[in-house]
Amino acid sequence: MLNTSTATLRMADRAGRAPRVSDREVWRAAAQLRKQFPETPWLEAAHRADRAYAAGHMFHFRLWGRVTHALGRRHTNGQVAAR
């Protein structure tokens, strides 16, 4: 179930304004991808961002783009994700 702030942000996206993605949403999505795809979570996030852009869902495009960057930074710094 969507919380009120997420629903409000998605409505703003439909109105043509730039959607805002909170840091909390980014880190939750990143943690979930690390559990589901332990080897390549940043690659899955990038694929999701591409699919969202193709579908015209700018909220999800920004969300998955930020998740990609967050996971990619973690990967390139050589840090191991907590499991």
Protein backbone atom coordinates (compact mmCIF):
# COMPACT_ATOMS: atom_id res chain seq x y z
CA MET A 1 0.00 0.00 0.00
CA LEU A 2 1.30 3.43 -0.89
CA ASN A 3 1.90 5.95 1.79
CA THR A 4 0.49 9.44 1.36
CA SER A 5 3.78 11.12 0.48
CA THR A 6 4.57 8.66 -2.32
CA ALA A 7 1.09 9.02 -3.79
CA THR A 8 1.41 12.80 -3.65
CA LEU A 9 4.79 12.69 -5.37
CA ARG A 10 3.44 10.50 -8.14
CA MET A 11 0.57 12.92 -8.68
CA ALA A 12 3.12 15.72 -9.04
CA ASP A 13 4.87 13.62 -11.68
CA ARG A 14 1.67 13.33 -13.65
CA ALA A 15 1.16 17.08 -13.44
CA GLY A 16 4.47 17.57 -15.26
CA ARG A 17 6.57 18.72 -12.31
CA ALA A 18 9.81 17.02 -11.41
CA PRO A 19 9.15 14.18 -8.94
CA ARG A 20 11.12 14.06 -5.70
CA VAL A 21 12.61 10.82 -4.45
CA SER A 22 13.58 10.67 -0.80
CA ASP A 23 16.85 9.22 0.46
CA ARG A 24 14.83 6.79 2.55
CA GLU A 25 13.12 5.36 -0.53
CA VAL A 26 16.46 5.01 -2.30
CA TRP A 27 18.14 3.12 0.55
CA ARG A 28 15.14 0.84 1.08
CA ALA A 29 15.05 -0.08 -2.60
CA ALA A 30 18.84 -0.59 -2.62
CA ALA A 31 18.67 -2.88 0.40
CA GLN A 32 15.90 -4.91 -1.22
CA LEU A 33 17.88 -5.32 -4.46
CA ARG A 34 20.99 -6.38 -2.52
CA LYS A 35 18.95 -9.21 -1.01
CA GLN A 36 17.30 -10.24 -4.29
CA PHE A 37 20.35 -9.86 -6.54
CA PRO A 38 23.47 -10.23 -4.37
CA GLU A 39 25.89 -10.37 -7.32
CA THR A 40 24.66 -7.46 -9.49
CA PRO A 41 22.08 -5.28 -7.73
CA TRP A 42 23.25 -2.10 -9.52
CA LEU A 43 22.68 -3.75 -12.91
CA GLU A 44 19.11 -4.68 -11.99
CA ALA A 45 18.47 -1.11 -10.80
CA ALA A 46 19.80 0.23 -14.12
CA HIS A 47 17.49 -2.10 -16.06
CA ARG A 48 14.54 -0.95 -13.96
CA ALA A 49 15.44 2.70 -14.61
CA ASP A 50 15.59 2.03 -18.36
CA ARG A 51 12.20 0.30 -18.34
CA ALA A 52 10.63 3.11 -16.30
CA TYR A 53 11.98 5.75 -18.69
CA ALA A 54 10.66 3.83 -21.69
CA ALA A 55 7.24 3.63 -20.04
CA GLY A 56 7.29 7.33 -19.16
CA HIS A 57 7.26 6.83 -15.39
CA MET A 58 9.55 9.62 -14.27
CA PHE A 59 9.16 8.94 -10.54
CA HIS A 60 10.38 5.38 -10.96
CA PHE A 61 13.06 6.47 -13.43
CA ARG A 62 14.52 8.86 -10.87
CA LEU A 63 14.15 6.34 -8.05
CA TRP A 64 15.97 3.55 -9.88
CA GLY A 65 18.53 5.95 -11.27
CA ARG A 66 19.45 7.09 -7.76
CA VAL A 67 19.48 3.47 -6.57
CA THR A 68 21.83 2.59 -9.44
CA HIS A 69 24.21 5.35 -8.41
CA ALA A 70 24.04 4.40 -4.74
CA LEU A 71 24.75 0.74 -5.48
CA GLY A 72 27.36 1.53 -8.13
CA ARG A 73 29.32 3.74 -5.74
CA ARG A 74 29.27 0.96 -3.21
CA HIS A 75 30.44 -1.54 -5.80
CA THR A 76 33.26 0.58 -7.23
CA ASN A 77 34.57 1.49 -3.78
CA GLY A 78 35.15 -2.21 -3.16
CA GLN A 79 32.86 -2.36 -0.15
CA VAL A 80 30.95 -5.54 0.48
CA ALA A 81 27.21 -5.16 0.97
CA ALA A 82 25.86 -6.36 4.30
CA ARG A 83 23.68 -9.43 3.87
